[in-house]
Full PDB file with SEQRES, HELIX, SHEET, SSBOND, CRYST1, ORIGX, SCALE, CONECT and MASTER records, all heavy atoms in Angstrom:
SEQRES   1 A   35  ASP GLN ARG ASN ASP GLU ASN LEU ILE VAL ALA GLN LEU          
SEQRES   2 A   35  HIS VAL ALA PHE LEU LYS ALA HIS ASN LYS LEU VAL ARG          
SEQRES   3 A   35  LEU ILE ARG SER GLY GLU ILE PRO SER                          
HELIX    1 AA1 GLN A    2  ASP A    5  5                                   4    
HELIX    2 AA2 LEU A    8  SER A   30  1                                  23    
CRYST1    1.000    1.000    1.000  90.00  90.00  90.00 P 1           1          
ORIGX1      1.000000  0.000000  0.000000        0.00000                         
ORIGX2      0.000000  1.000000  0.000000        0.00000                         
ORIGX3      0.000000  0.000000  1.000000        0.00000                         
SCALE1      1.000000  0.000000  0.000000        0.00000                         
SCALE2      0.000000  1.000000  0.000000        0.00000                         
SCALE3      0.000000  0.000000  1.000000        0.00000                         
ATOM      1  N   ASP A   1      90.007  91.373 101.136  1.00  0.00           N  
ATOM      2  CA  ASP A   1      88.926  91.063 102.079  1.00  0.00           C  
ATOM      3  C   ASP A   1      89.185  91.828 103.364  1.00  0.00           C  
ATOM      4  O   ASP A   1      90.157  91.551 104.074  1.00  0.00           O  
ATOM      5  CB  ASP A   1      88.866  89.559 102.362  1.00  0.00           C  
ATOM      6  CG  ASP A   1      87.609  89.155 103.124  1.00  0.00           C  
ATOM      7  OD1 ASP A   1      87.178  89.923 104.000  1.00  0.00           O  
ATOM      8  OD2 ASP A   1      87.073  88.075 102.848  1.00  0.00           O  
ATOM      9  N   GLN A   2      88.327  92.787 103.672  1.00  0.00           N  
ATOM     10  CA  GLN A   2      88.520  93.639 104.844  1.00  0.00           C  
ATOM     11  C   GLN A   2      88.481  92.873 106.157  1.00  0.00           C  
ATOM     12  O   GLN A   2      88.972  93.356 107.178  1.00  0.00           O  
ATOM     13  CB  GLN A   2      87.469  94.755 104.854  1.00  0.00           C  
ATOM     14  CG  GLN A   2      87.751  95.885 103.885  1.00  0.00           C  
ATOM     15  CD  GLN A   2      89.022  96.634 104.241  1.00  0.00           C  
ATOM     16  OE1 GLN A   2      89.261  96.966 105.394  1.00  0.00           O  
ATOM     17  NE2 GLN A   2      89.861  96.878 103.232  1.00  0.00           N  
ATOM     18  N   ARG A   3      87.913  91.680 106.162  1.00  0.00           N  
ATOM     19  CA  ARG A   3      87.856  90.907 107.409  1.00  0.00           C  
ATOM     20  C   ARG A   3      89.250  90.514 107.900  1.00  0.00           C  
ATOM     21  O   ARG A   3      89.409  90.173 109.071  1.00  0.00           O  
ATOM     22  CB  ARG A   3      86.993  89.660 107.207  1.00  0.00           C  
ATOM     23  CG  ARG A   3      85.527  89.955 106.967  1.00  0.00           C  
ATOM     24  CD  ARG A   3      84.764  88.687 106.657  1.00  0.00           C  
ATOM     25  NE  ARG A   3      85.238  88.074 105.428  1.00  0.00           N  
ATOM     26  CZ  ARG A   3      84.915  86.835 105.034  1.00  0.00           C  
ATOM     27  NH1 ARG A   3      84.134  86.080 105.793  1.00  0.00           N  
ATOM     28  NH2 ARG A   3      85.381  86.354 103.889  1.00  0.00           N  
ATOM     29  N   ASN A   4      90.237  90.553 107.016  1.00  0.00           N  
ATOM     30  CA  ASN A   4      91.599  90.223 107.465  1.00  0.00           C  
ATOM     31  C   ASN A   4      92.223  91.348 108.280  1.00  0.00           C  
ATOM     32  O   ASN A   4      93.372  91.229 108.711  1.00  0.00           O  
ATOM     33  CB  ASN A   4      92.479  89.869 106.270  1.00  0.00           C  
ATOM     34  CG  ASN A   4      92.209  88.467 105.763  1.00  0.00           C  
ATOM     35  OD1 ASN A   4      91.420  87.729 106.341  1.00  0.00           O  
ATOM     36  ND2 ASN A   4      92.849  88.094 104.662  1.00  0.00           N  
ATOM     37  N   ASP A   5      91.481  92.414 108.508  1.00  0.00           N  
ATOM     38  CA  ASP A   5      91.912  93.462 109.438  1.00  0.00           C  
ATOM     39  C   ASP A   5      91.012  93.498 110.666  1.00  0.00           C  
ATOM     40  O   ASP A   5      90.915  94.508 111.351  1.00  0.00           O  
ATOM     41  CB  ASP A   5      91.911  94.830 108.742  1.00  0.00           C  
ATOM     42  CG  ASP A   5      92.707  95.891 109.512  1.00  0.00           C  
ATOM     43  OD1 ASP A   5      93.596  95.514 110.302  1.00  0.00           O  
ATOM     44  OD2 ASP A   5      92.435  97.091 109.324  1.00  0.00           O  
ATOM     45  N   GLU A   6      90.347  92.387 110.971  1.00  0.00           N  
ATOM     46  CA  GLU A   6      89.458  92.339 112.131  1.00  0.00           C  
ATOM     47  C   GLU A   6      90.199  92.022 113.422  1.00  0.00           C  
ATOM     48  O   GLU A   6      89.776  92.456 114.491  1.00  0.00           O  
ATOM     49  CB  GLU A   6      88.365  91.286 111.911  1.00  0.00           C  
ATOM     50  CG  GLU A   6      87.246  91.765 111.016  1.00  0.00           C  
ATOM     51  CD  GLU A   6      86.173  90.706 110.830  1.00  0.00           C  
ATOM     52  OE1 GLU A   6      86.412  89.527 111.171  1.00  0.00           O  
ATOM     53  OE2 GLU A   6      85.093  91.063 110.343  1.00  0.00           O  
ATOM     54  N   ASN A   7      91.252  91.209 113.342  1.00  0.00           N  
ATOM     55  CA  ASN A   7      92.059  90.985 114.531  1.00  0.00           C  
ATOM     56  C   ASN A   7      93.522  90.932 114.109  1.00  0.00           C  
ATOM     57  O   ASN A   7      93.857  90.639 112.962  1.00  0.00           O  
ATOM     58  CB  ASN A   7      91.624  89.738 115.305  1.00  0.00           C  
ATOM     59  CG  ASN A   7      92.063  88.444 114.657  1.00  0.00           C  
ATOM     60  OD1 ASN A   7      93.254  88.127 114.614  1.00  0.00           O  
ATOM     61  ND2 ASN A   7      91.100  87.672 114.160  1.00  0.00           N  
ATOM     62  N   LEU A   8      94.401  91.223 115.054  1.00  0.00           N  
ATOM     63  CA  LEU A   8      95.792  91.495 114.728  1.00  0.00           C  
ATOM     64  C   LEU A   8      96.551  90.256 114.250  1.00  0.00           C  
ATOM     65  O   LEU A   8      97.442  90.360 113.411  1.00  0.00           O  
ATOM     66  CB  LEU A   8      96.495  92.102 115.948  1.00  0.00           C  
ATOM     67  CG  LEU A   8      97.816  92.817 115.697  1.00  0.00           C  
ATOM     68  CD1 LEU A   8      97.715  93.808 114.555  1.00  0.00           C  
ATOM     69  CD2 LEU A   8      98.276  93.505 116.974  1.00  0.00           C  
ATOM     70  N   ILE A   9      96.199  89.070 114.754  1.00  0.00           N  
ATOM     71  CA  ILE A   9      96.933  87.873 114.344  1.00  0.00           C  
ATOM     72  C   ILE A   9      96.631  87.552 112.884  1.00  0.00           C  
ATOM     73  O   ILE A   9      97.542  87.247 112.096  1.00  0.00           O  
ATOM     74  CB  ILE A   9      96.615  86.685 115.266  1.00  0.00           C  
ATOM     75  CG1 ILE A   9      97.015  87.012 116.711  1.00  0.00           C  
ATOM     76  CG2 ILE A   9      97.347  85.432 114.798  1.00  0.00           C  
ATOM     77  CD1 ILE A   9      96.659  85.938 117.717  1.00  0.00           C  
ATOM     78  N   VAL A  10      95.376  87.620 112.486  1.00  0.00           N  
ATOM     79  CA  VAL A  10      95.036  87.390 111.080  1.00  0.00           C  
ATOM     80  C   VAL A  10      95.664  88.475 110.201  1.00  0.00           C  
ATOM     81  O   VAL A  10      96.161  88.197 109.108  1.00  0.00           O  
ATOM     82  CB  VAL A  10      93.509  87.339 110.879  1.00  0.00           C  
ATOM     83  CG1 VAL A  10      93.157  87.312 109.396  1.00  0.00           C  
ATOM     84  CG2 VAL A  10      92.935  86.098 111.557  1.00  0.00           C  
ATOM     85  N   ALA A  11      95.650  89.723 110.675  1.00  0.00           N  
ATOM     86  CA  ALA A  11      96.267  90.805 109.907  1.00  0.00           C  
ATOM     87  C   ALA A  11      97.754  90.552 109.697  1.00  0.00           C  
ATOM     88  O   ALA A  11      98.284  90.754 108.595  1.00  0.00           O  
ATOM     89  CB  ALA A  11      96.043  92.143 110.615  1.00  0.00           C  
ATOM     90  N   GLN A  12      98.447  90.117 110.741  1.00  0.00           N  
ATOM     91  CA  GLN A  12      99.869  89.835 110.605  1.00  0.00           C  
ATOM     92  C   GLN A  12     100.114  88.612 109.710  1.00  0.00           C  
ATOM     93  O   GLN A  12     101.108  88.550 108.986  1.00  0.00           O  
ATOM     94  CB  GLN A  12     100.494  89.620 111.978  1.00  0.00           C  
ATOM     95  CG  GLN A  12     100.544  90.882 112.846  1.00  0.00           C  
ATOM     96  CD  GLN A  12     101.706  91.793 112.461  1.00  0.00           C  
ATOM     97  OE1 GLN A  12     102.846  91.565 112.822  1.00  0.00           O  
ATOM     98  NE2 GLN A  12     101.394  92.851 111.718  1.00  0.00           N  
ATOM     99  N   LEU A  13      99.201  87.647 109.726  1.00  0.00           N  
ATOM    100  CA  LEU A  13      99.313  86.508 108.825  1.00  0.00           C  
ATOM    101  C   LEU A  13      99.138  86.957 107.374  1.00  0.00           C  
ATOM    102  O   LEU A  13      99.845  86.475 106.468  1.00  0.00           O  
ATOM    103  CB  LEU A  13      98.277  85.444 109.188  1.00  0.00           C  
ATOM    104  CG  LEU A  13      98.346  84.121 108.428  1.00  0.00           C  
ATOM    105  CD1 LEU A  13      99.696  83.445 108.633  1.00  0.00           C  
ATOM    106  CD2 LEU A  13      97.217  83.192 108.875  1.00  0.00           C  
ATOM    107  N   HIS A  14      98.220  87.891 107.146  1.00  0.00           N  
ATOM    108  CA  HIS A  14      98.045  88.449 105.802  1.00  0.00           C  
ATOM    109  C   HIS A  14      99.342  89.124 105.345  1.00  0.00           C  
ATOM    110  O   HIS A  14      99.767  88.958 104.194  1.00  0.00           O  
ATOM    111  CB  HIS A  14      96.886  89.452 105.808  1.00  0.00           C  
ATOM    112  CG  HIS A  14      96.449  89.891 104.452  1.00  0.00           C  
ATOM    113  ND1 HIS A  14      95.263  89.501 103.880  1.00  0.00           N  
ATOM    114  CD2 HIS A  14      97.043  90.702 103.530  1.00  0.00           C  
ATOM    115  CE1 HIS A  14      95.151  90.035 102.678  1.00  0.00           C  
ATOM    116  NE2 HIS A  14      96.213  90.788 102.448  1.00  0.00           N  
ATOM    117  N   VAL A  15      99.986  89.866 106.247  1.00  0.00           N  
ATOM    118  CA  VAL A  15     101.266  90.503 105.919  1.00  0.00           C  
ATOM    119  C   VAL A  15     102.300  89.439 105.537  1.00  0.00           C  
ATOM    120  O   VAL A  15     103.087  89.630 104.596  1.00  0.00           O  
ATOM    121  CB  VAL A  15     101.773  91.354 107.099  1.00  0.00           C  
ATOM    122  CG1 VAL A  15     103.198  91.847 106.849  1.00  0.00           C  
ATOM    123  CG2 VAL A  15     100.847  92.545 107.341  1.00  0.00           C  
ATOM    124  N   ALA A  16     102.300  88.315 106.230  1.00  0.00           N  
ATOM    125  CA  ALA A  16     103.254  87.244 105.919  1.00  0.00           C  
ATOM    126  C   ALA A  16     103.050  86.735 104.496  1.00  0.00           C  
ATOM    127  O   ALA A  16     104.020  86.447 103.777  1.00  0.00           O  
ATOM    128  CB  ALA A  16     103.110  86.103 106.923  1.00  0.00           C  
ATOM    129  N   PHE A  17     101.797  86.600 104.057  1.00  0.00           N  
ATOM    130  CA  PHE A  17     101.532  86.170 102.678  1.00  0.00           C  
ATOM    131  C   PHE A  17     101.984  87.232 101.679  1.00  0.00           C  
ATOM    132  O   PHE A  17     102.516  86.895 100.612  1.00  0.00           O  
ATOM    133  CB  PHE A  17     100.048  85.849 102.501  1.00  0.00           C  
ATOM    134  CG  PHE A  17      99.675  84.452 102.894  1.00  0.00           C  
ATOM    135  CD1 PHE A  17      99.282  84.164 104.191  1.00  0.00           C  
ATOM    136  CD2 PHE A  17      99.741  83.417 101.979  1.00  0.00           C  
ATOM    137  CE1 PHE A  17      98.943  82.869 104.566  1.00  0.00           C  
ATOM    138  CE2 PHE A  17      99.412  82.123 102.341  1.00  0.00           C  
ATOM    139  CZ  PHE A  17      99.013  81.840 103.643  1.00  0.00           C  
ATOM    140  N   LEU A  18     101.772  88.512 102.004  1.00  0.00           N  
ATOM    141  CA  LEU A  18     102.256  89.580 101.121  1.00  0.00           C  
ATOM    142  C   LEU A  18     103.770  89.483 100.946  1.00  0.00           C  
ATOM    143  O   LEU A  18     104.302  89.562  99.826  1.00  0.00           O  
ATOM    144  CB  LEU A  18     101.896  90.949 101.699  1.00  0.00           C  
ATOM    145  CG  LEU A  18     100.420  91.278 101.916  1.00  0.00           C  
ATOM    146  CD1 LEU A  18     100.279  92.658 102.558  1.00  0.00           C  
ATOM    147  CD2 LEU A  18      99.639  91.224 100.605  1.00  0.00           C  
ATOM    148  N   LYS A  19     104.474  89.301 102.059  1.00  0.00           N  
ATOM    149  CA  LYS A  19     105.935  89.244 102.007  1.00  0.00           C  
ATOM    150  C   LYS A  19     106.418  87.973 101.299  1.00  0.00           C  
ATOM    151  O   LYS A  19     107.435  88.001 100.584  1.00  0.00           O  
ATOM    152  CB  LYS A  19     106.511  89.298 103.415  1.00  0.00           C  
ATOM    153  CG  LYS A  19     106.359  90.651 104.090  1.00  0.00           C  
ATOM    154  CD  LYS A  19     107.056  90.628 105.441  1.00  0.00           C  
ATOM    155  CE  LYS A  19     107.060  91.998 106.084  1.00  0.00           C  
ATOM    156  NZ  LYS A  19     107.835  92.011 107.334  1.00  0.00           N  
ATOM    157  N   ALA A  20     105.717  86.869 101.491  1.00  0.00           N  
ATOM    158  CA  ALA A  20     106.115  85.628 100.832  1.00  0.00           C  
ATOM    159  C   ALA A  20     106.004  85.781  99.318  1.00  0.00           C  
ATOM    160  O   ALA A  20     106.882  85.336  98.565  1.00  0.00           O  
ATOM    161  CB  ALA A  20     105.257  84.468 101.327  1.00  0.00           C  
ATOM    162  N   HIS A  21     104.912  86.412  98.853  1.00  0.00           N  
ATOM    163  CA  HIS A  21     104.782  86.648  97.409  1.00  0.00           C  
ATOM    164  C   HIS A  21     105.926  87.512  96.897  1.00  0.00           C  
ATOM    165  O   HIS A  21     106.548  87.186  95.869  1.00  0.00           O  
ATOM    166  CB  HIS A  21     103.452  87.326  97.094  1.00  0.00           C  
ATOM    167  CG  HIS A  21     103.388  87.856  95.690  1.00  0.00           C  
ATOM    168  ND1 HIS A  21     102.976  87.099  94.623  1.00  0.00           N  
ATOM    169  CD2 HIS A  21     103.729  89.077  95.171  1.00  0.00           C  
ATOM    170  CE1 HIS A  21     103.069  87.812  93.509  1.00  0.00           C  
ATOM    171  NE2 HIS A  21     103.511  89.014  93.816  1.00  0.00           N  
ATOM    172  N   ASN A  22     106.203  88.598  97.591  1.00  0.00           N  
ATOM    173  CA  ASN A  22     107.244  89.510  97.119  1.00  0.00           C  
ATOM    174  C   ASN A  22     108.615  88.834  97.092  1.00  0.00           C  
ATOM    175  O   ASN A  22     109.426  89.081  96.201  1.00  0.00           O  
ATOM    176  CB  ASN A  22     107.286  90.761  97.994  1.00  0.00           C  
ATOM    177  CG  ASN A  22     106.045  91.626  97.815  1.00  0.00           C  
ATOM    178  OD1 ASN A  22     105.258  91.424  96.885  1.00  0.00           O  
ATOM    179  ND2 ASN A  22     105.852  92.578  98.707  1.00  0.00           N  
ATOM    180  N   LYS A  23     108.878  87.968  98.066  1.00  0.00           N  
ATOM    181  CA  LYS A  23     110.154  87.257  98.067  1.00  0.00           C  
ATOM    182  C   LYS A  23     110.219  86.278  96.895  1.00  0.00           C  
ATOM    183  O   LYS A  23     111.268  86.130  96.244  1.00  0.00           O  
ATOM    184  CB  LYS A  23     110.362  86.526  99.387  1.00  0.00           C  
ATOM    185  CG  LYS A  23     111.730  85.857  99.481  1.00  0.00           C  
ATOM    186  CD  LYS A  23     112.015  85.344 100.880  1.00  0.00           C  
ATOM    187  CE  LYS A  23     113.400  84.717 100.970  1.00  0.00           C  
ATOM    188  NZ  LYS A  23     113.706  84.235 102.329  1.00  0.00           N  
ATOM    189  N   LEU A  24     109.114  85.621  96.600  1.00  0.00           N  
ATOM    190  CA  LEU A  24     109.071  84.728  95.452  1.00  0.00           C  
ATOM    191  C   LEU A  24     109.379  85.484  94.163  1.00  0.00           C  
ATOM    192  O   LEU A  24     110.128  85.002  93.302  1.00  0.00           O  
ATOM    193  CB  LEU A  24     107.708  84.044  95.355  1.00  0.00           C  
ATOM    194  CG  LEU A  24     107.442  82.902  96.335  1.00  0.00           C  
ATOM    195  CD1 LEU A  24     105.974  82.513  96.311  1.00  0.00           C  
ATOM    196  CD2 LEU A  24     108.312  81.693  96.012  1.00  0.00           C  
ATOM    197  N   VAL A  25     108.806  86.672  94.005  1.00  0.00           N  
ATOM    198  CA  VAL A  25     109.060  87.484  92.813  1.00  0.00           C  
ATOM    199  C   VAL A  25     110.550  87.770  92.687  1.00  0.00           C  
ATOM    200  O   VAL A  25     111.149  87.613  91.604  1.00  0.00           O  
ATOM    201  CB  VAL A  25     108.251  88.802  92.861  1.00  0.00           C  
ATOM    202  CG1 VAL A  25     108.765  89.787  91.813  1.00  0.00           C  
ATOM    203  CG2 VAL A  25     106.774  88.530  92.647  1.00  0.00           C  
ATOM    204  N   ARG A  26     111.170  88.172  93.779  1.00  0.00           N  
ATOM    205  CA  ARG A  26     112.601  88.522  93.731  1.00  0.00           C  
ATOM    206  C   ARG A  26     113.457  87.296  93.390  1.00  0.00           C  
ATOM    207  O   ARG A  26     114.421  87.405  92.618  1.00  0.00           O  
ATOM    208  CB  ARG A  26     113.027  89.137  95.064  1.00  0.00           C  
ATOM    209  CG  ARG A  26     112.386  90.501  95.339  1.00  0.00           C  
ATOM    210  CD  ARG A  26     113.049  91.198  96.507  1.00  0.00           C  
ATOM    211  NE  ARG A  26     112.833  90.512  97.765  1.00  0.00           N  
ATOM    212  CZ  ARG A  26     111.801  90.728  98.568  1.00  0.00           C  
ATOM    213  NH1 ARG A  26     110.863  91.626  98.241  1.00  0.00           N  
ATOM    214  NH2 ARG A  26     111.681  90.084  99.714  1.00  0.00           N  
ATOM    215  N   LEU A  27     113.125  86.146  93.941  1.00  0.00           N  
ATOM    216  CA  LEU A  27     113.905  84.937  93.676  1.00  0.00           C  
ATOM    217  C   LEU A  27     113.695  84.437  92.250  1.00  0.00           C  
ATOM    218  O   LEU A  27     114.611  83.879  91.638  1.00  0.00           O  
ATOM    219  CB  LEU A  27     113.549  83.848  94.684  1.00  0.00           C  
ATOM    220  CG  LEU A  27     113.959  84.124  96.141  1.00  0.00           C  
ATOM    221  CD1 LEU A  27     113.487  82.991  97.052  1.00  0.00           C  
ATOM    222  CD2 LEU A  27     115.466  84.302  96.258  1.00  0.00           C  
ATOM    223  N   ILE A  28     112.512  84.634  91.711  1.00  0.00           N  
ATOM    224  CA  ILE A  28     112.260  84.256  90.315  1.00  0.00           C  
ATOM    225  C   ILE A  28     113.006  85.200  89.377  1.00  0.00           C  
ATOM    226  O   ILE A  28     113.629  84.767  88.400  1.00  0.00           O  
ATOM    227  CB  ILE A  28     110.742  84.263  90.025  1.00  0.00           C  
ATOM    228  CG1 ILE A  28     110.065  83.112  90.768  1.00  0.00           C  
ATOM    229  CG2 ILE A  28     110.473  84.178  88.520  1.00  0.00           C  
ATOM    230  CD1 ILE A  28     108.557  83.181  90.775  1.00  0.00           C  
ATOM    231  N   ARG A  29     112.985  86.489  89.689  1.00  0.00           N  
ATOM    232  CA  ARG A  29     113.711  87.454  88.847  1.00  0.00           C  
ATOM    233  C   ARG A  29     115.206  87.164  88.855  1.00  0.00           C  
ATOM    234  O   ARG A  29     115.887  87.316  87.845  1.00  0.00           O  
ATOM    235  CB  ARG A  29     113.452  88.875  89.331  1.00  0.00           C  
ATOM    236  CG  ARG A  29     112.096  89.436  88.928  1.00  0.00           C  
ATOM    237  CD  ARG A  29     112.094  90.952  89.005  1.00  0.00           C  
ATOM    238  NE  ARG A  29     112.530  91.451  90.293  1.00  0.00           N  
ATOM    239  CZ  ARG A  29     111.768  92.119  91.155  1.00  0.00           C  
ATOM    240  NH1 ARG A  29     110.505  92.354  90.872  1.00  0.00           N  
ATOM    241  NH2 ARG A  29     112.263  92.549  92.294  1.00  0.00           N  
ATOM    242  N   SER A  30     115.734  86.764  90.008  1.00  0.00           N  
ATOM    243  CA  SER A  30     117.175  86.524  90.120  1.00  0.00           C  
ATOM    244  C   SER A  30     117.603  85.166  89.562  1.00  0.00           C  
ATOM    245  O   SER A  30     118.790  84.909  89.393  1.00  0.00           O  
ATOM    246  CB  SER A  30     117.611  86.611  91.588  1.00  0.00           C  
ATOM    247  OG  SER A  30     117.114  85.493  92.323  1.00  0.00           O  
ATOM    248  N   GLY A  31     116.622  84.294  89.289  1.00  0.00           N  
ATOM    249  CA  GLY A  31     116.936  82.971  88.786  1.00  0.00           C  
ATOM    250  C   GLY A  31     117.170  81.934  89.861  1.00  0.00           C  
ATOM    251  O   GLY A  31     117.406  80.767  89.553  1.00  0.00           O  
ATOM    252  N   GLU A  32     117.094  82.325  91.146  1.00  0.00           N  
ATOM    253  CA  GLU A  32     117.282  81.350  92.229  1.00  0.00           C  
ATOM    254  C   GLU A  32     116.136  80.348  92.277  1.00  0.00           C  
ATOM    255  O   GLU A  32     116.317  79.219  92.741  1.00  0.00           O  
ATOM    256  CB  GLU A  32     117.417  82.080  93.567  1.00  0.00           C  
ATOM    257  CG  GLU A  32     118.672  82.930  93.673  1.00  0.00           C  
ATOM    258  CD  GLU A  32     118.731  83.691  94.978  1.00  0.00           C  
ATOM    259  OE1 GLU A  32     118.847  83.047  96.035  1.00  0.00           O  
ATOM    260  OE2 GLU A  32     118.645  84.939  94.942  1.00  0.00           O  
ATOM    261  N   ILE A  33     114.961  80.766  91.838  1.00  0.00           N  
ATOM    262  CA  ILE A  33     113.850  79.847  91.614  1.00  0.00           C  
ATOM    263  C   ILE A  33     113.610  79.830  90.109  1.00  0.00           C  
ATOM    264  O   ILE A  33     113.267  80.861  89.519  1.00  0.00           O  
ATOM    265  CB  ILE A  33     112.579  80.296  92.357  1.00  0.00           C  
ATOM    266  CG1 ILE A  33     112.786  80.208  93.873  1.00  0.00           C  
ATOM    267  CG2 ILE A  33     111.388  79.442  91.945  1.00  0.00           C  
ATOM    268  CD1 ILE A  33     111.591  80.661  94.681  1.00  0.00           C  
ATOM    269  N   PRO A  34     113.819  78.688  89.448  1.00  0.00           N  
ATOM    270  CA  PRO A  34     113.668  78.634  87.994  1.00  0.00           C  
ATOM    271  C   PRO A  34     112.239  78.953  87.566  1.00  0.00           C  
ATOM    272  O   PRO A  34     111.271  78.522  88.205  1.00  0.00           O  
ATOM    273  CB  PRO A  34     114.036  77.194  87.637  1.00  0.00           C  
ATOM    274  CG  PRO A  34     114.795  76.677  88.813  1.00  0.00           C  
ATOM    275  CD  PRO A  34     114.264  77.403  90.013  1.00  0.00           C  
ATOM    276  N   SER A  35     112.102  79.709  86.499  1.00  0.00           N  
ATOM    277  CA  SER A  35     110.791  80.014  85.947  1.00  0.00           C  
ATOM    278  C   SER A  35     110.266  78.803  85.192  1.00  0.00           C  
ATOM    279  O   SER A  35     110.975  78.206  84.383  1.00  0.00           O  
ATOM    280  CB  SER A  35     110.884  81.221  85.006  1.00  0.00           C  
ATOM    281  OG  SER A  35     109.631  81.468  84.408  1.00  0.00           O  
TER     282      SER A  35                                                      
MASTER        0    0    0    2    0    0    0    6  281    1    0    3          
END                                                                             
């Protein structure tokens, strides 16, 4: 959704969700979060 690049705070919040997903992937792959 391009509207998440309309103001910087929402854009940075979108980045936080991107990073949270990627961290979840890494923890699931490593077994720290059980699948």
